[in-house]
């Protein structure tokens, strides 16, 4: 794991042209109710079996409700050798995210 990002740092990263994959580790139902636009859902309990979905990622930022589970997820992803670049966690979690949220269900 390469550290934590603030909400402002993640927002700046998403607004730039950098290749970042935002991985939301919450349950699918919770993810569908609201998530950072462009993020993908890879729930923490399934992460070990599906981490290869991140093969070749240049940068990964993990997200959870309060910033704790995403640290565990970032450490787990960092132990996997398929990610090319930095692996970080959103320090404040979605609780501190002041940007837009996208919902998959009405």
N, C-alpha and C. Protein backbone atom coordinates (compact mmCIF):
# COMPACT_ATOMS: atom_id res chain seq x y z
N UNK A 1 0.85 -1.19 0.00
CA UNK A 1 0.00 0.00 0.00
C UNK A 1 0.88 1.23 0.00
N UNK A 2 0.46 2.22 -0.78
CA UNK A 2 1.28 3.41 -0.95
C UNK A 2 0.75 4.64 -0.23
N UNK A 3 -0.21 4.47 0.66
CA UNK A 3 -0.69 5.61 1.43
C UNK A 3 -2.16 5.87 1.25
N UNK A 4 -2.56 7.06 1.70
CA UNK A 4 -3.95 7.45 1.64
C UNK A 4 -4.07 8.79 0.91
N UNK A 5 -5.22 8.98 0.29
CA UNK A 5 -5.52 10.23 -0.41
C UNK A 5 -6.67 10.93 0.31
N UNK A 6 -6.67 12.24 0.27
CA UNK A 6 -7.82 13.00 0.76
C UNK A 6 -8.87 13.03 -0.35
N UNK A 7 -10.07 13.45 0.00
CA UNK A 7 -11.13 13.58 -1.00
C UNK A 7 -10.72 14.56 -2.10
N UNK A 8 -10.09 15.66 -1.72
CA UNK A 8 -9.65 16.67 -2.70
C UNK A 8 -8.60 16.08 -3.64
N UNK A 9 -7.67 15.30 -3.10
CA UNK A 9 -6.64 14.68 -3.95
C UNK A 9 -7.25 13.69 -4.93
N UNK A 10 -8.22 12.91 -4.47
CA UNK A 10 -8.88 11.97 -5.37
C UNK A 10 -9.67 12.71 -6.44
N UNK A 11 -10.37 13.75 -6.06
CA UNK A 11 -11.14 14.53 -7.03
C UNK A 11 -10.20 15.10 -8.10
N UNK A 12 -9.06 15.66 -7.68
CA UNK A 12 -8.09 16.19 -8.63
C UNK A 12 -7.57 15.09 -9.56
N UNK A 13 -7.32 13.94 -9.00
CA UNK A 13 -6.83 12.81 -9.78
C UNK A 13 -7.87 12.38 -10.82
N UNK A 14 -9.12 12.33 -10.43
CA UNK A 14 -10.19 11.94 -11.35
C UNK A 14 -10.41 12.98 -12.44
N UNK A 15 -10.17 14.24 -12.12
CA UNK A 15 -10.35 15.30 -13.10
C UNK A 15 -9.18 15.40 -14.07
N UNK A 16 -8.05 14.82 -13.71
CA UNK A 16 -6.89 14.83 -14.60
C UNK A 16 -7.05 13.69 -15.61
N UNK A 17 -6.10 13.57 -16.48
CA UNK A 17 -6.16 12.52 -17.49
C UNK A 17 -5.48 11.24 -17.03
N UNK A 18 -5.17 11.12 -15.76
CA UNK A 18 -4.45 9.94 -15.29
C UNK A 18 -5.34 8.71 -15.31
N UNK A 19 -4.71 7.56 -15.44
CA UNK A 19 -5.41 6.28 -15.50
C UNK A 19 -5.51 5.73 -14.09
N UNK A 20 -6.65 5.96 -13.44
CA UNK A 20 -6.86 5.50 -12.07
C UNK A 20 -8.11 4.65 -12.02
N UNK A 21 -8.04 3.57 -11.27
CA UNK A 21 -9.22 2.72 -11.06
C UNK A 21 -9.64 2.87 -9.61
N UNK A 22 -10.87 3.35 -9.42
CA UNK A 22 -11.43 3.51 -8.08
C UNK A 22 -12.22 2.25 -7.78
N UNK A 23 -11.80 1.53 -6.74
CA UNK A 23 -12.40 0.26 -6.37
C UNK A 23 -13.17 0.43 -5.07
N UNK A 24 -14.48 0.33 -5.16
CA UNK A 24 -15.37 0.47 -4.01
C UNK A 24 -15.57 -0.92 -3.42
N UNK A 25 -15.20 -1.11 -2.15
CA UNK A 25 -15.22 -2.44 -1.54
C UNK A 25 -16.49 -2.72 -0.72
N UNK A 26 -17.50 -1.86 -0.86
CA UNK A 26 -18.76 -2.09 -0.15
C UNK A 26 -19.59 -3.17 -0.84
N UNK A 27 -20.68 -3.55 -0.21
CA UNK A 27 -21.57 -4.56 -0.78
C UNK A 27 -22.21 -4.03 -2.06
N UNK A 28 -22.61 -4.92 -2.96
CA UNK A 28 -23.25 -4.47 -4.21
C UNK A 28 -24.49 -3.60 -3.98
N UNK A 29 -25.33 -3.94 -3.02
CA UNK A 29 -26.53 -3.14 -2.75
C UNK A 29 -26.18 -1.72 -2.33
N UNK A 30 -25.21 -1.60 -1.45
CA UNK A 30 -24.79 -0.28 -0.98
C UNK A 30 -24.14 0.51 -2.11
N UNK A 31 -23.33 -0.16 -2.90
CA UNK A 31 -22.68 0.47 -4.05
C UNK A 31 -23.72 1.04 -5.01
N UNK A 32 -24.76 0.28 -5.29
CA UNK A 32 -25.78 0.70 -6.24
C UNK A 32 -26.55 1.93 -5.76
N UNK A 33 -26.65 2.11 -4.46
CA UNK A 33 -27.37 3.28 -3.92
C UNK A 33 -26.60 4.58 -4.09
N UNK A 34 -25.29 4.49 -4.24
CA UNK A 34 -24.50 5.69 -4.45
C UNK A 34 -23.01 5.42 -4.38
N UNK A 35 -22.28 5.82 -5.42
CA UNK A 35 -20.84 5.60 -5.48
C UNK A 35 -20.17 6.71 -6.29
N UNK A 36 -18.88 6.81 -6.16
CA UNK A 36 -18.12 7.80 -6.91
C UNK A 36 -18.24 7.45 -8.40
N UNK A 37 -18.61 8.41 -9.23
CA UNK A 37 -18.77 8.12 -10.65
C UNK A 37 -17.51 7.48 -11.25
N UNK A 38 -17.74 6.44 -12.03
CA UNK A 38 -16.64 5.73 -12.68
C UNK A 38 -16.00 4.66 -11.82
N UNK A 39 -16.42 4.54 -10.57
CA UNK A 39 -15.81 3.52 -9.71
C UNK A 39 -16.39 2.15 -10.04
N UNK A 40 -15.68 1.12 -9.64
CA UNK A 40 -16.13 -0.24 -9.85
C UNK A 40 -16.31 -0.92 -8.51
N UNK A 41 -17.23 -1.84 -8.44
CA UNK A 41 -17.54 -2.52 -7.19
C UNK A 41 -16.84 -3.87 -7.13
N UNK A 42 -16.00 -4.02 -6.13
CA UNK A 42 -15.31 -5.28 -5.86
C UNK A 42 -15.36 -5.46 -4.34
N UNK A 43 -16.46 -6.04 -3.83
CA UNK A 43 -16.65 -6.15 -2.38
C UNK A 43 -15.49 -6.83 -1.67
N UNK A 44 -15.16 -6.34 -0.51
CA UNK A 44 -14.03 -6.86 0.26
C UNK A 44 -14.05 -8.38 0.42
N UNK A 45 -15.20 -9.00 0.74
CA UNK A 45 -15.19 -10.46 0.90
C UNK A 45 -14.82 -11.23 -0.38
N UNK A 46 -15.02 -10.61 -1.54
CA UNK A 46 -14.71 -11.27 -2.81
C UNK A 46 -13.34 -10.87 -3.38
N UNK A 47 -12.70 -9.93 -2.74
CA UNK A 47 -11.48 -9.34 -3.29
C UNK A 47 -10.36 -10.35 -3.51
N UNK A 48 -10.13 -11.22 -2.57
CA UNK A 48 -9.02 -12.17 -2.75
C UNK A 48 -9.23 -13.07 -3.96
N UNK A 49 -10.45 -13.45 -4.23
CA UNK A 49 -10.72 -14.32 -5.36
C UNK A 49 -10.83 -13.60 -6.69
N UNK A 50 -10.97 -12.27 -6.65
CA UNK A 50 -11.18 -11.51 -7.89
C UNK A 50 -10.15 -10.41 -8.10
N UNK A 51 -9.09 -10.41 -7.33
CA UNK A 51 -8.08 -9.36 -7.44
C UNK A 51 -7.43 -9.32 -8.81
N UNK A 52 -7.44 -10.44 -9.53
CA UNK A 52 -6.83 -10.45 -10.86
C UNK A 52 -7.61 -9.58 -11.85
N UNK A 53 -8.81 -9.13 -11.48
CA UNK A 53 -9.56 -8.19 -12.32
C UNK A 53 -8.82 -6.85 -12.42
N UNK A 54 -7.86 -6.64 -11.53
CA UNK A 54 -7.10 -5.39 -11.53
C UNK A 54 -5.77 -5.51 -12.28
N UNK A 55 -5.55 -6.63 -12.94
CA UNK A 55 -4.32 -6.84 -13.71
C UNK A 55 -4.01 -5.64 -14.60
N UNK A 56 -2.80 -5.16 -14.51
CA UNK A 56 -2.34 -4.09 -15.37
C UNK A 56 -2.77 -2.70 -14.97
N UNK A 57 -3.48 -2.55 -13.88
CA UNK A 57 -3.92 -1.22 -13.44
C UNK A 57 -2.69 -0.36 -13.15
N UNK A 58 -2.74 0.87 -13.62
CA UNK A 58 -1.63 1.79 -13.39
C UNK A 58 -1.70 2.44 -12.01
N UNK A 59 -2.91 2.60 -11.50
CA UNK A 59 -3.10 3.18 -10.17
C UNK A 59 -4.46 2.74 -9.65
N UNK A 60 -4.51 2.37 -8.37
CA UNK A 60 -5.76 1.92 -7.76
C UNK A 60 -5.99 2.73 -6.49
N UNK A 61 -7.23 3.19 -6.32
CA UNK A 61 -7.65 3.85 -5.09
C UNK A 61 -8.85 3.08 -4.55
N UNK A 62 -8.74 2.58 -3.33
CA UNK A 62 -9.83 1.83 -2.72
C UNK A 62 -10.71 2.76 -1.89
N UNK A 63 -12.02 2.42 -1.85
CA UNK A 63 -13.01 3.26 -1.18
C UNK A 63 -13.94 2.39 -0.35
N UNK A 64 -14.28 2.86 0.84
CA UNK A 64 -15.25 2.19 1.71
C UNK A 64 -16.03 3.29 2.45
N UNK A 65 -16.91 2.95 3.38
CA UNK A 65 -17.69 3.99 4.05
C UNK A 65 -16.87 5.00 4.87
N UNK A 66 -15.92 4.53 5.67
CA UNK A 66 -15.21 5.41 6.60
C UNK A 66 -13.69 5.41 6.46
N UNK A 67 -13.15 4.66 5.52
CA UNK A 67 -11.71 4.67 5.30
C UNK A 67 -10.94 3.56 5.99
N UNK A 68 -11.63 2.64 6.67
CA UNK A 68 -10.93 1.56 7.37
C UNK A 68 -10.81 0.30 6.51
N UNK A 69 -11.92 -0.18 5.99
CA UNK A 69 -11.89 -1.40 5.15
C UNK A 69 -11.09 -1.17 3.88
N UNK A 70 -11.08 0.07 3.40
CA UNK A 70 -10.33 0.35 2.18
C UNK A 70 -8.82 0.25 2.41
N UNK A 71 -8.37 0.47 3.62
CA UNK A 71 -6.95 0.28 3.94
C UNK A 71 -6.62 -1.21 3.84
N UNK A 72 -7.48 -2.05 4.40
CA UNK A 72 -7.27 -3.50 4.30
C UNK A 72 -7.27 -3.93 2.84
N UNK A 73 -8.20 -3.39 2.06
CA UNK A 73 -8.28 -3.75 0.64
C UNK A 73 -7.02 -3.31 -0.10
N UNK A 74 -6.54 -2.12 0.18
CA UNK A 74 -5.33 -1.62 -0.48
C UNK A 74 -4.12 -2.50 -0.14
N UNK A 75 -4.03 -2.93 1.11
CA UNK A 75 -2.93 -3.81 1.51
C UNK A 75 -3.03 -5.16 0.80
N UNK A 76 -4.23 -5.67 0.69
CA UNK A 76 -4.43 -6.95 0.00
C UNK A 76 -4.05 -6.83 -1.48
N UNK A 77 -4.49 -5.76 -2.12
CA UNK A 77 -4.16 -5.55 -3.53
C UNK A 77 -2.66 -5.36 -3.70
N UNK A 78 -2.03 -4.68 -2.76
CA UNK A 78 -0.58 -4.45 -2.83
C UNK A 78 0.20 -5.76 -2.75
N UNK A 79 -0.35 -6.75 -2.07
CA UNK A 79 0.31 -8.06 -1.96
C UNK A 79 0.23 -8.83 -3.28
N UNK A 80 -0.67 -8.41 -4.14
CA UNK A 80 -0.86 -9.02 -5.45
C UNK A 80 0.09 -8.33 -6.43
N UNK A 81 0.75 -9.06 -7.28
CA UNK A 81 1.77 -8.47 -8.14
C UNK A 81 1.27 -7.98 -9.48
N UNK A 82 -0.03 -7.99 -9.73
CA UNK A 82 -0.55 -7.61 -11.03
C UNK A 82 -0.79 -6.13 -11.23
N UNK A 83 -0.72 -5.32 -10.16
CA UNK A 83 -0.96 -3.89 -10.29
C UNK A 83 0.38 -3.19 -10.49
N UNK A 84 0.44 -2.35 -11.52
CA UNK A 84 1.68 -1.71 -11.93
C UNK A 84 2.13 -0.56 -11.04
N UNK A 85 1.18 0.26 -10.60
CA UNK A 85 1.54 1.50 -9.92
C UNK A 85 1.03 1.60 -8.51
N UNK A 86 0.85 2.84 -8.04
CA UNK A 86 0.44 3.08 -6.65
C UNK A 86 -0.91 2.46 -6.31
N UNK A 87 -1.03 2.04 -5.07
CA UNK A 87 -2.28 1.51 -4.52
C UNK A 87 -2.55 2.31 -3.25
N UNK A 88 -3.63 3.07 -3.28
CA UNK A 88 -3.93 3.98 -2.18
C UNK A 88 -5.37 3.79 -1.70
N UNK A 89 -5.65 4.35 -0.54
CA UNK A 89 -6.98 4.29 0.06
C UNK A 89 -7.50 5.72 0.21
N UNK A 90 -8.81 5.89 0.04
CA UNK A 90 -9.43 7.19 0.30
C UNK A 90 -9.55 7.32 1.82
N UNK A 91 -8.75 8.22 2.40
CA UNK A 91 -8.60 8.33 3.86
C UNK A 91 -9.92 8.56 4.59
N UNK A 92 -10.77 9.41 4.05
CA UNK A 92 -12.01 9.78 4.73
C UNK A 92 -13.17 8.84 4.41
N UNK A 93 -12.97 7.96 3.47
CA UNK A 93 -14.07 7.11 3.02
C UNK A 93 -15.15 7.94 2.34
N UNK A 94 -16.22 7.31 1.96
CA UNK A 94 -17.31 8.04 1.31
C UNK A 94 -17.95 9.05 2.24
N UNK A 95 -17.80 8.83 3.54
CA UNK A 95 -18.33 9.78 4.53
C UNK A 95 -17.74 11.17 4.31
N UNK A 96 -16.49 11.26 3.90
CA UNK A 96 -15.84 12.54 3.69
C UNK A 96 -15.80 12.99 2.25
N UNK A 97 -16.38 12.22 1.34
CA UNK A 97 -16.39 12.57 -0.07
C UNK A 97 -17.44 13.67 -0.29
N UNK A 98 -17.00 14.81 -0.80
CA UNK A 98 -17.94 15.91 -1.01
C UNK A 98 -18.29 16.09 -2.48
N UNK A 99 -17.84 15.15 -3.29
CA UNK A 99 -18.15 15.20 -4.71
C UNK A 99 -19.47 14.51 -5.02
N UNK A 100 -19.74 14.46 -6.28
CA UNK A 100 -20.96 13.85 -6.79
C UNK A 100 -20.96 12.34 -6.55
N UNK A 101 -22.14 11.78 -6.34
CA UNK A 101 -22.32 10.34 -6.27
C UNK A 101 -23.25 9.91 -7.40
N UNK A 102 -23.02 8.73 -7.90
CA UNK A 102 -23.80 8.17 -8.99
C UNK A 102 -24.55 6.97 -8.43
N UNK A 103 -25.82 6.84 -8.75
CA UNK A 103 -26.61 5.69 -8.28
C UNK A 103 -26.94 4.79 -9.46
N UNK A 104 -26.95 3.49 -9.19
CA UNK A 104 -27.29 2.52 -10.22
C UNK A 104 -28.75 2.14 -10.19
N UNK A 105 -29.42 2.49 -9.10
CA UNK A 105 -30.85 2.19 -8.97
C UNK A 105 -31.59 3.46 -8.59
N UNK A 106 -32.87 3.49 -8.86
CA UNK A 106 -33.66 4.67 -8.51
C UNK A 106 -34.23 4.58 -7.12
